[in-house]
Amino acid sequence: MRAFLATLLLLAASPLLADCIANGHYSLASSAFPYTEDLTRPTSQPLHDGMWVADENDWTLVQTACSERTNVNASVDVTLLVRASFHIGKTTAAPDAIFDVQLRVDGEPLVTQSRRVGDQFPKSFRFGTSVERLPAGNHLLTMWVRMRNPGAIYVGLQWITAQGVPANNGSHRVLADDVKLGSDWTTIGPPLALTSIRDIDAALQASFSVASAVTPLSFDWTVDDEKPGARPGVVAAPLVQPDGVMVFDHRGWIDRGSHTVQLWGRSDATAELKEIAIDAVGFPHETPAKVIPLIEASADATIVATTAGDPQQPLAMSADCGRWTKILEFDMPGDRKDFSWSVDGYVELLGHDVSGYGVVGVEVDTGKAQTDVGMFEFQTDQQHEGFYFYGDCSKWSPGEATHVSLWIRRIEGCGVAPLGGSFVVGKRWLAVKLLPSQTPHLP
């Protein structure tokens, strides 16, 4: 998730930077495009990778800034896109036990989202929200977890990230009423009104609880008078309901002015969604010498990803517990300035055999340096499933050009993961938005 070459250069330039960066904290000093990424490692401070959250506790802090100081530093009022994740490695709770995740800024809750613990581990969980107008100044983004039922969960790879943009780029967040879905496309929540003085690239996301469903659910987004169904993403109905779901998406190049963005859903059988929250965050589409337009790619051709993987493996992601298969790739235009990277993507699984334990990952490669910008473990025991995910990176320059690739693998031979097997991959997409990353990381 980190630009290793850039990190080495920063460490060489200022030994003080080693304190935060070595502990997994990459937060920009005051900027009109504030950015933070806070990751845990086994020896990270103030919080480390891997910690128990038990029902006898109230809220447990699982991720914060370096030395719990500040990690979102805005020189102007900004809209803030917030994303977070961790994995559960083991548990003493029942599979249907519920845990809550809360994202806070300056101690004030932004959102609370709930998930079932499940019975297959390790597995990643993803969360997100936005802040329509965060005042200029220094702020602290944190993530908290509590158990709602008896038992405990062991969380690891705690990861929070936020990207801010000046608050005049067209953004909106709404809380929506419950909705019932059927075989026809149905609106989820009201249209989100976006008004901007410039062309924008929109980051889209929604969270909700699936209260009832028996068949896979499909989701799509439209702008203004478009019809839904052009590029739907599919997720399986949760095995135990209700359960929370998070979807991430994007829309490139929305003309300046006033527009509406609409989330839609459908299912072959009746389904009901509750606790709905929808975010649209406008990033400037392009500005001279500062902002590059969103770059995206998609594919529909079926790929069978076996444990044999591809002959050539990614350099930034280990193949020790299973070989990778590339399922999408594209090139970013060259630019020697540093940028913060905001990534979203989706992978549809049409089936699997032997085991449903896998990982999706995104690699960026300049030819001279490589890093991953996000990896997510999944566990599926259903034959039609889909996974929405996000990624990020800071202080990474595309240079002459950067090759971006999306990979999938089935974990085998590590722990109890069996040998052999495959995933059948259907539609997938990936988008990258670059924003200025001109101020230094906090020491």
Protein backbone atom coordinates (compact mmCIF):
# COMPACT_ATOMS: atom_id res chain seq x y z
CA MET A 1 0.00 0.00 0.00
CA ARG A 2 3.01 2.21 0.12
CA ALA A 3 5.44 3.69 -2.33
CA PHE A 4 8.65 2.07 -1.14
CA LEU A 5 11.06 4.17 -3.21
CA ALA A 6 9.41 7.42 -2.16
CA THR A 7 9.53 6.29 1.46
CA LEU A 8 13.24 5.58 1.26
CA LEU A 9 13.89 9.01 -0.21
CA LEU A 10 11.86 10.68 2.53
CA LEU A 11 13.67 8.76 5.25
CA ALA A 12 17.01 9.71 3.79
CA ALA A 13 16.00 13.36 3.63
CA SER A 14 14.80 13.60 7.24
CA PRO A 15 15.49 11.04 9.99
CA LEU A 16 12.57 12.47 11.97
CA LEU A 17 10.16 11.12 9.35
CA ALA A 18 11.15 7.59 10.28
CA ASP A 19 9.16 7.77 13.51
CA CYS A 20 5.73 8.04 11.87
CA ILE A 21 6.44 6.31 8.56
CA ALA A 22 8.15 3.36 10.25
CA ASN A 23 4.99 2.98 12.32
CA GLY A 24 2.70 3.00 9.27
CA HIS A 25 1.48 6.61 9.32
CA TYR A 26 1.56 8.71 6.14
CA SER A 27 -0.22 12.02 6.77
CA LEU A 28 0.39 15.17 4.75
CA ALA A 29 1.14 18.49 6.39
CA SER A 30 -1.48 21.20 5.89
CA SER A 31 -2.84 21.10 2.33
CA ALA A 32 -5.88 22.00 0.23
CA PHE A 33 -5.84 18.26 -0.63
CA PRO A 34 -5.24 16.70 2.82
CA TYR A 35 -4.43 13.00 2.86
CA THR A 36 -3.77 10.35 5.44
CA GLU A 37 -3.11 6.62 5.44
CA ASP A 38 -2.66 4.92 8.81
CA LEU A 39 -1.65 1.25 8.69
CA THR A 40 -0.74 -1.19 11.44
CA ARG A 41 2.36 -3.36 11.53
CA PRO A 42 3.36 -5.89 14.20
CA THR A 43 5.41 -3.30 16.11
CA SER A 44 3.50 -0.13 15.13
CA GLN A 45 2.86 2.60 17.66
CA PRO A 46 0.60 3.76 19.21
CA LEU A 47 -1.48 0.73 18.04
CA HIS A 48 -0.12 -2.46 16.54
CA ASP A 49 -1.32 -5.07 14.08
CA GLY A 50 -3.50 -7.66 15.79
CA MET A 51 -5.61 -6.92 18.86
CA TRP A 52 -8.56 -8.51 20.64
CA VAL A 53 -11.87 -6.67 20.85
CA ALA A 54 -14.10 -8.28 23.50
CA ASP A 55 -17.72 -7.88 24.53
CA GLU A 56 -16.80 -6.76 28.04
CA ASN A 57 -15.37 -3.59 26.52
CA ASP A 58 -17.36 -0.65 25.24
CA TRP A 59 -15.74 0.98 22.22
CA THR A 60 -12.13 -0.08 21.54
CA LEU A 61 -9.79 2.21 19.59
CA VAL A 62 -8.23 0.12 16.80
CA GLN A 63 -6.58 2.81 14.63
CA THR A 64 -5.48 6.40 15.04
CA ALA A 65 -2.78 8.85 13.96
CA CYS A 66 0.92 8.72 14.74
CA SER A 67 1.24 9.29 18.50
CA GLU A 68 -2.52 10.02 18.42
CA ARG A 69 -1.84 13.59 17.28
CA THR A 70 -3.39 14.63 13.98
CA ASN A 71 -3.72 13.07 10.54
CA VAL A 72 -6.11 15.25 8.48
CA ASN A 73 -4.61 18.71 8.03
CA ALA A 74 -6.62 21.04 5.81
CA SER A 75 -5.51 24.51 4.74
CA VAL A 76 -9.06 25.28 3.47
CA ASP A 77 -12.54 23.90 4.15
CA VAL A 78 -12.66 20.48 2.51
CA THR A 79 -14.92 17.58 1.65
CA LEU A 80 -13.40 14.42 3.09
CA LEU A 81 -13.70 10.93 1.61
CA VAL A 82 -13.08 8.37 4.37
CA ARG A 83 -12.42 4.64 3.96
CA ALA A 84 -11.34 1.95 6.40
CA SER A 85 -10.82 -1.78 6.74
CA PHE A 86 -9.37 -4.57 8.84
CA HIS A 87 -9.46 -8.34 8.81
CA ILE A 88 -10.65 -10.78 11.43
CA GLY A 89 -8.15 -13.57 11.93
CA LYS A 90 -10.00 -15.57 14.61
CA THR A 91 -12.83 -15.24 17.09
CA THR A 92 -14.43 -16.63 20.21
CA ALA A 93 -17.85 -15.31 19.17
CA ALA A 94 -20.66 -17.16 17.41
CA PRO A 95 -20.82 -16.80 13.59
CA ASP A 96 -24.00 -14.73 13.82
CA ALA A 97 -22.53 -12.36 16.43
CA ILE A 98 -22.55 -8.69 15.44
CA PHE A 99 -19.79 -6.12 15.80
CA ASP A 100 -20.02 -2.37 15.18
CA VAL A 101 -17.39 -0.14 13.58
CA GLN A 102 -17.38 3.60 14.17
CA LEU A 103 -15.34 6.20 12.29
CA ARG A 104 -14.77 9.47 14.15
CA VAL A 105 -13.25 12.88 13.46
CA ASP A 106 -12.05 14.83 16.50
CA GLY A 107 -13.89 12.38 18.74
CA GLU A 108 -17.26 12.94 17.05
CA PRO A 109 -18.86 9.90 15.35
CA LEU A 110 -19.18 10.16 11.57
CA VAL A 111 -20.81 6.78 10.97
CA THR A 112 -21.53 3.47 12.70
CA GLN A 113 -21.71 0.32 10.55
CA SER A 114 -22.41 -3.27 11.61
CA ARG A 115 -21.24 -6.67 10.38
CA ARG A 116 -21.68 -10.35 11.26
CA VAL A 117 -18.55 -12.11 12.50
CA GLY A 118 -19.01 -15.16 10.24
CA ASP A 119 -17.24 -18.49 10.48
CA GLN A 120 -14.41 -18.33 7.90
CA PHE A 121 -11.14 -16.53 8.63
CA PRO A 122 -9.14 -14.52 7.86
CA LYS A 123 -11.49 -12.20 6.00
CA SER A 124 -11.42 -8.46 5.23
CA PHE A 125 -14.20 -6.03 6.09
CA ARG A 126 -14.53 -2.61 4.46
CA PHE A 127 -16.21 0.60 5.66
CA GLY A 128 -16.54 4.20 4.55
CA THR A 129 -18.22 7.57 4.85
CA SER A 130 -17.69 11.22 3.89
CA VAL A 131 -17.78 14.66 5.47
CA GLU A 132 -19.39 17.32 3.28
CA ARG A 133 -17.56 20.26 4.86
CA LEU A 134 -14.69 19.82 7.30
CA PRO A 135 -13.35 23.20 8.49
CA ALA A 136 -9.80 24.22 7.73
CA GLY A 137 -7.45 23.11 10.48
CA ASN A 138 -5.88 19.98 11.98
CA HIS A 139 -8.14 17.01 12.68
CA LEU A 140 -7.88 13.46 14.04
CA LEU A 141 -9.49 10.54 12.17
CA THR A 142 -9.90 7.34 14.23
CA MET A 143 -11.57 3.91 13.98
CA TRP A 144 -13.32 2.14 16.87
CA VAL A 145 -14.88 -1.32 17.28
CA ARG A 146 -17.24 -2.90 19.79
CA MET A 147 -18.83 -6.34 20.13
CA ARG A 148 -22.59 -6.36 20.39
CA ASN A 149 -22.77 -10.06 21.39
CA PRO A 150 -20.71 -12.31 23.69
CA GLY A 151 -17.23 -13.24 22.57
CA ALA A 152 -14.26 -11.46 21.02
CA ILE A 153 -12.72 -10.89 17.60
CA TYR A 154 -9.03 -10.64 16.74
CA VAL A 155 -8.62 -7.76 14.31
CA GLY A 156 -5.52 -7.10 12.22
CA LEU A 157 -4.28 -4.98 9.32
CA GLN A 158 -6.22 -2.00 10.66
CA TRP A 159 -6.24 0.60 7.89
CA ILE A 160 -7.86 4.03 7.76
CA THR A 161 -7.43 6.48 4.89
CA ALA A 162 -8.92 9.83 3.93
CA GLN A 163 -8.62 12.13 0.94
CA GLY A 164 -9.79 15.73 1.11
CA VAL A 165 -10.58 18.21 -1.66
CA PRO A 166 -11.66 21.87 -1.50
CA ALA A 167 -15.34 21.94 -0.56
CA ASN A 168 -16.56 23.59 -3.78
CA ASN A 169 -16.20 20.55 -6.04
CA GLY A 170 -19.72 19.15 -5.72
CA SER A 171 -20.31 16.55 -3.00
CA HIS A 172 -23.30 15.20 -1.11
CA ARG A 173 -24.12 12.62 1.58
CA VAL A 174 -27.63 11.36 2.30
CA LEU A 175 -29.24 8.94 4.75
CA ALA A 176 -32.04 7.09 2.95
CA ASP A 177 -35.26 5.35 3.91
CA ASP A 178 -35.65 1.56 3.80
CA VAL A 179 -36.23 0.16 0.31
CA LYS A 180 -37.57 -3.09 -1.16
CA LEU A 181 -35.95 -4.44 -4.32
CA GLY A 182 -37.44 -6.70 -6.97
CA SER A 183 -36.63 -7.79 -10.50
CA ASP A 184 -36.90 -4.24 -11.91
CA TRP A 185 -34.29 -1.58 -11.23
CA THR A 186 -35.38 0.42 -8.18
CA THR A 187 -34.00 3.72 -6.87
CA ILE A 188 -32.15 3.51 -3.56
CA GLY A 189 -32.44 6.79 -1.72
CA PRO A 190 -33.13 10.17 -3.29
CA PRO A 191 -31.05 11.61 -6.14
CA LEU A 192 -27.86 13.21 -4.82
CA ALA A 193 -27.64 16.80 -6.03
CA LEU A 194 -24.12 17.79 -7.12
CA THR A 195 -23.25 21.37 -8.05
CA SER A 196 -19.72 22.36 -9.00
CA ILE A 197 -18.01 25.33 -10.62
CA ARG A 198 -15.66 22.93 -12.48
CA ASP A 199 -15.77 19.53 -14.19
CA ILE A 200 -15.44 16.73 -11.64
CA ASP A 201 -14.60 13.05 -11.27
CA ALA A 202 -16.90 11.58 -8.63
CA ALA A 203 -16.04 8.97 -6.00
CA LEU A 204 -19.24 7.06 -5.16
CA GLN A 205 -19.94 4.75 -2.24
CA ALA A 206 -22.85 3.44 -0.21
CA SER A 207 -23.37 1.42 2.95
CA PHE A 208 -26.51 -0.46 3.96
CA SER A 209 -27.81 -3.45 5.81
CA VAL A 210 -29.33 -6.32 3.83
CA ALA A 211 -32.36 -7.08 5.99
CA SER A 212 -33.65 -9.86 3.74
CA ALA A 213 -32.54 -11.42 0.43
CA VAL A 214 -32.32 -14.89 -1.08
CA THR A 215 -30.72 -14.19 -4.48
CA PRO A 216 -27.73 -12.01 -5.47
CA LEU A 217 -28.25 -8.26 -5.47
CA SER A 218 -27.18 -5.94 -8.29
CA PHE A 219 -26.24 -2.26 -7.97
CA ASP A 220 -25.60 0.51 -10.46
CA TRP A 221 -25.21 4.31 -10.54
CA THR A 222 -26.57 6.84 -13.02
CA VAL A 223 -26.05 10.55 -13.67
CA ASP A 224 -29.05 12.71 -14.61
CA ASP A 225 -31.33 10.88 -17.10
CA GLU A 226 -29.20 7.79 -17.72
CA LYS A 227 -30.83 4.36 -17.45
CA PRO A 228 -29.48 1.81 -14.93
CA GLY A 229 -27.97 -1.52 -15.87
CA ALA A 230 -25.05 -0.42 -18.05
CA ARG A 231 -22.41 -1.75 -15.60
CA PRO A 232 -23.98 -3.40 -12.57
CA GLY A 233 -22.01 -4.93 -9.72
CA VAL A 234 -23.34 -8.05 -8.02
CA VAL A 235 -23.01 -9.18 -4.40
CA ALA A 236 -24.32 -12.40 -2.88
CA ALA A 237 -27.15 -12.34 -0.38
CA PRO A 238 -25.57 -12.60 3.11
CA LEU A 239 -25.92 -16.08 4.59
CA VAL A 240 -27.04 -14.66 7.94
CA GLN A 241 -29.24 -11.57 7.84
CA PRO A 242 -29.33 -8.72 8.51
CA ASP A 243 -25.74 -7.97 7.58
CA GLY A 244 -23.89 -4.90 6.36
CA VAL A 245 -22.55 -4.28 2.84
CA MET A 246 -20.29 -1.53 1.45
CA VAL A 247 -20.02 -0.69 -2.26
CA PHE A 248 -17.43 1.57 -3.91
CA ASP A 249 -17.63 3.04 -7.40
CA HIS A 250 -16.82 6.12 -9.48
CA ARG A 251 -17.95 8.28 -12.36
CA GLY A 252 -15.45 10.17 -14.50
CA TRP A 253 -15.89 13.58 -16.07
CA ILE A 254 -19.17 15.08 -14.91
CA ASP A 255 -19.49 18.53 -16.52
CA ARG A 256 -19.49 21.60 -14.30
CA GLY A 257 -22.92 22.79 -13.23
CA SER A 258 -25.77 21.00 -11.46
CA HIS A 259 -26.40 17.25 -11.77
CA THR A 260 -28.02 14.38 -9.89
CA VAL A 261 -26.44 11.03 -9.09
CA GLN A 262 -28.70 8.05 -8.35
CA LEU A 263 -27.98 4.64 -6.81
CA TRP A 264 -30.13 1.74 -8.09
CA GLY A 265 -30.64 -1.88 -7.06
CA ARG A 266 -32.42 -5.04 -8.13
CA SER A 267 -32.72 -8.72 -7.22
CA ASP A 268 -34.45 -11.69 -8.86
CA ALA A 269 -36.40 -12.23 -5.64
CA THR A 270 -37.65 -9.66 -3.16
CA ALA A 271 -34.95 -8.06 -1.02
CA GLU A 272 -35.02 -5.32 1.60
CA LEU A 273 -32.29 -2.80 2.47
CA LYS A 274 -32.12 -0.74 5.67
CA GLU A 275 -29.75 1.76 7.32
CA ILE A 276 -28.77 3.24 3.96
CA ALA A 277 -26.14 5.95 3.58
CA ILE A 278 -24.91 7.20 0.20
CA ASP A 279 -21.86 9.37 -0.61
CA ALA A 280 -20.79 11.23 -3.72
CA VAL A 281 -17.53 13.18 -3.46
CA GLY A 282 -16.44 15.39 -6.34
CA PHE A 283 -12.74 15.57 -7.20
CA PRO A 284 -11.62 18.20 -9.73
CA HIS A 285 -11.48 16.47 -13.12
CA GLU A 286 -8.46 18.36 -14.40
CA THR A 287 -6.57 21.54 -13.60
CA PRO A 288 -3.45 22.84 -15.34
CA ALA A 289 -0.27 21.33 -13.92
CA LYS A 290 -2.04 19.97 -10.83
CA VAL A 291 -4.74 17.36 -11.41
CA ILE A 292 -4.88 14.44 -13.86
CA PRO A 293 -8.27 13.11 -15.08
CA LEU A 294 -9.53 9.85 -13.60
CA ILE A 295 -8.19 6.78 -15.43
CA GLU A 296 -10.33 3.65 -15.53
CA ALA A 297 -10.48 0.23 -17.17
CA SER A 298 -12.97 -2.63 -17.21
CA ALA A 299 -13.38 -6.09 -18.73
CA ASP A 300 -16.13 -8.70 -19.05
CA ALA A 301 -14.38 -11.67 -20.64
CA THR A 302 -14.36 -14.68 -18.29
CA ILE A 303 -11.00 -15.66 -16.79
CA VAL A 304 -10.34 -18.88 -14.87
CA ALA A 305 -7.71 -18.12 -12.22
CA THR A 306 -6.09 -21.35 -11.03
CA THR A 307 -3.52 -21.88 -8.31
CA ALA A 308 -0.90 -22.24 -11.06
CA GLY A 309 -1.21 -18.49 -11.59
CA ASP A 310 0.48 -16.53 -14.37
CA PRO A 311 4.06 -17.21 -15.46
CA GLN A 312 4.98 -13.63 -14.52
CA GLN A 313 4.09 -12.64 -10.97
CA PRO A 314 3.67 -9.14 -9.46
CA LEU A 315 6.83 -7.82 -7.81
CA ALA A 316 5.06 -5.95 -5.01
CA MET A 317 2.87 -8.82 -3.75
CA SER A 318 4.27 -12.12 -2.48
CA ALA A 319 3.27 -15.42 -4.11
CA ASP A 320 4.35 -17.49 -1.08
CA CYS A 321 0.78 -18.52 -0.18
CA GLY A 322 -0.60 -18.76 -3.70
CA ARG A 323 0.28 -17.58 -7.19
CA TRP A 324 -1.45 -14.57 -8.74
CA THR A 325 -3.47 -14.27 -11.97
CA LYS A 326 -3.68 -10.88 -13.67
CA ILE A 327 -7.27 -9.95 -14.53
CA LEU A 328 -6.99 -6.29 -15.63
CA GLU A 329 -4.27 -3.77 -16.52
CA PHE A 330 -3.73 -0.27 -17.89
CA ASP A 331 -1.13 2.51 -17.97
CA MET A 332 -1.23 5.91 -16.27
CA PRO A 333 0.04 8.95 -18.19
CA GLY A 334 3.51 10.05 -17.14
CA ASP A 335 4.02 12.91 -14.71
CA ARG A 336 7.00 13.56 -12.46
CA LYS A 337 5.08 15.33 -9.68
CA ASP A 338 4.06 13.52 -6.51
CA PHE A 339 0.39 12.57 -6.18
CA SER A 340 -1.97 10.97 -3.71
CA TRP A 341 -3.75 8.01 -5.30
CA SER A 342 -7.42 7.18 -4.70
CA VAL A 343 -8.47 3.79 -6.09
CA ASP A 344 -11.73 1.86 -6.30
CA GLY A 345 -12.56 -1.42 -7.96
CA TYR A 346 -14.81 -4.44 -8.25
CA VAL A 347 -14.40 -8.15 -9.06
CA GLU A 348 -17.25 -10.55 -9.80
CA LEU A 349 -16.79 -14.26 -9.05
CA LEU A 350 -18.95 -16.56 -11.16
CA GLY A 351 -17.85 -19.67 -9.28
CA HIS A 352 -15.04 -21.46 -7.48
CA ASP A 353 -13.90 -24.94 -6.53
CA VAL A 354 -11.89 -26.55 -3.69
CA SER A 355 -11.90 -23.37 -1.57
CA GLY A 356 -13.32 -19.86 -1.57
CA TYR A 357 -10.37 -18.32 0.28
CA GLY A 358 -8.66 -15.72 -1.89
CA VAL A 359 -7.16 -12.27 -2.21
CA VAL A 360 -7.55 -9.42 -4.70
CA GLY A 361 -4.68 -6.95 -5.00
CA VAL A 362 -3.63 -3.92 -7.05
CA GLU A 363 -0.01 -3.28 -8.07
CA VAL A 364 1.51 -0.10 -9.51
CA ASP A 365 4.85 -0.41 -11.32
CA THR A 366 7.04 2.34 -12.79
CA GLY A 367 9.63 -0.17 -14.00
CA LYS A 368 12.02 1.12 -11.33
CA ALA A 369 9.80 0.72 -8.26
CA GLN A 370 6.65 -1.18 -7.37
CA THR A 371 4.09 -1.15 -4.59
CA ASP A 372 0.65 -2.51 -3.87
CA VAL A 373 -2.10 0.04 -3.29
CA GLY A 374 -4.48 -2.36 -1.59
CA MET A 375 -4.96 -6.08 -0.92
CA PHE A 376 -8.12 -7.66 0.49
CA GLU A 377 -8.71 -11.22 1.67
CA PHE A 378 -12.10 -12.79 1.06
CA GLN A 379 -13.86 -15.99 2.02
CA THR A 380 -16.83 -17.09 -0.02
CA ASP A 381 -18.90 -20.26 0.04
CA GLN A 382 -21.36 -19.04 -2.58
CA GLN A 383 -21.02 -19.58 -6.31
CA HIS A 384 -21.98 -16.07 -7.40
CA GLU A 385 -20.32 -13.32 -5.42
CA GLY A 386 -18.80 -9.90 -5.94
CA PHE A 387 -16.30 -7.77 -4.04
CA TYR A 388 -16.06 -3.98 -4.00
CA PHE A 389 -12.77 -2.62 -2.71
CA TYR A 390 -10.64 0.54 -2.51
CA GLY A 391 -6.98 1.49 -2.42
CA ASP A 392 -4.69 4.45 -1.88
CA CYS A 393 -1.12 5.68 -1.95
CA SER A 394 0.76 8.92 -1.28
CA LYS A 395 3.88 10.55 -2.66
CA TRP A 396 3.99 8.30 -5.72
CA SER A 397 4.98 9.89 -9.01
CA PRO A 398 3.84 8.22 -12.27
CA GLY A 399 7.25 9.21 -13.74
CA GLU A 400 7.52 8.31 -17.41
CA ALA A 401 4.51 6.01 -16.98
CA THR A 402 3.08 3.71 -14.34
CA HIS A 403 1.56 0.32 -15.11
CA VAL A 404 -1.48 -0.52 -12.99
CA SER A 405 -2.65 -4.12 -12.69
CA LEU A 406 -5.42 -5.97 -10.84
CA TRP A 407 -4.70 -9.52 -9.63
CA ILE A 408 -6.49 -12.37 -7.89
CA ARG A 409 -5.24 -15.56 -6.26
CA ARG A 410 -6.59 -18.47 -4.28
CA ILE A 411 -4.68 -18.95 -1.04
CA GLU A 412 -3.20 -22.44 -0.87
CA GLY A 413 -0.69 -24.27 1.26
CA CYS A 414 -0.68 -21.77 4.14
CA GLY A 415 -2.40 -22.65 7.38
CA VAL A 416 -5.36 -24.88 6.60
CA ALA A 417 -5.74 -23.65 2.99
CA PRO A 418 -5.95 -26.72 0.69
CA LEU A 419 -4.02 -27.21 -2.55
CA GLY A 420 -5.50 -26.69 -6.00
CA GLY A 421 -8.72 -25.06 -7.09
CA SER A 422 -9.76 -22.01 -9.07
CA PHE A 423 -11.90 -18.88 -9.30
CA VAL A 424 -14.04 -18.06 -12.32
CA VAL A 425 -13.81 -14.28 -12.73
CA GLY A 426 -16.55 -12.32 -14.51
CA LYS A 427 -16.78 -8.55 -14.85
CA ARG A 428 -14.20 -6.36 -13.13
CA TRP A 429 -13.21 -2.72 -13.13
CA LEU A 430 -10.65 -0.43 -11.59
CA ALA A 431 -10.29 3.36 -11.43
CA VAL A 432 -7.43 5.61 -10.28
CA LYS A 433 -7.71 9.29 -9.41
CA LEU A 434 -4.55 11.33 -8.76
CA LEU A 435 -4.61 14.45 -6.59
CA PRO A 436 -1.82 16.85 -5.52
CA SER A 437 0.51 15.55 -2.80
CA GLN A 438 2.81 18.55 -2.56
CA THR A 439 3.28 19.03 1.20
CA PRO A 440 5.59 16.71 3.20
CA HIS A 441 4.48 13.86 5.40
CA LEU A 442 4.23 14.72 9.08
CA PRO A 443 7.31 13.70 11.10
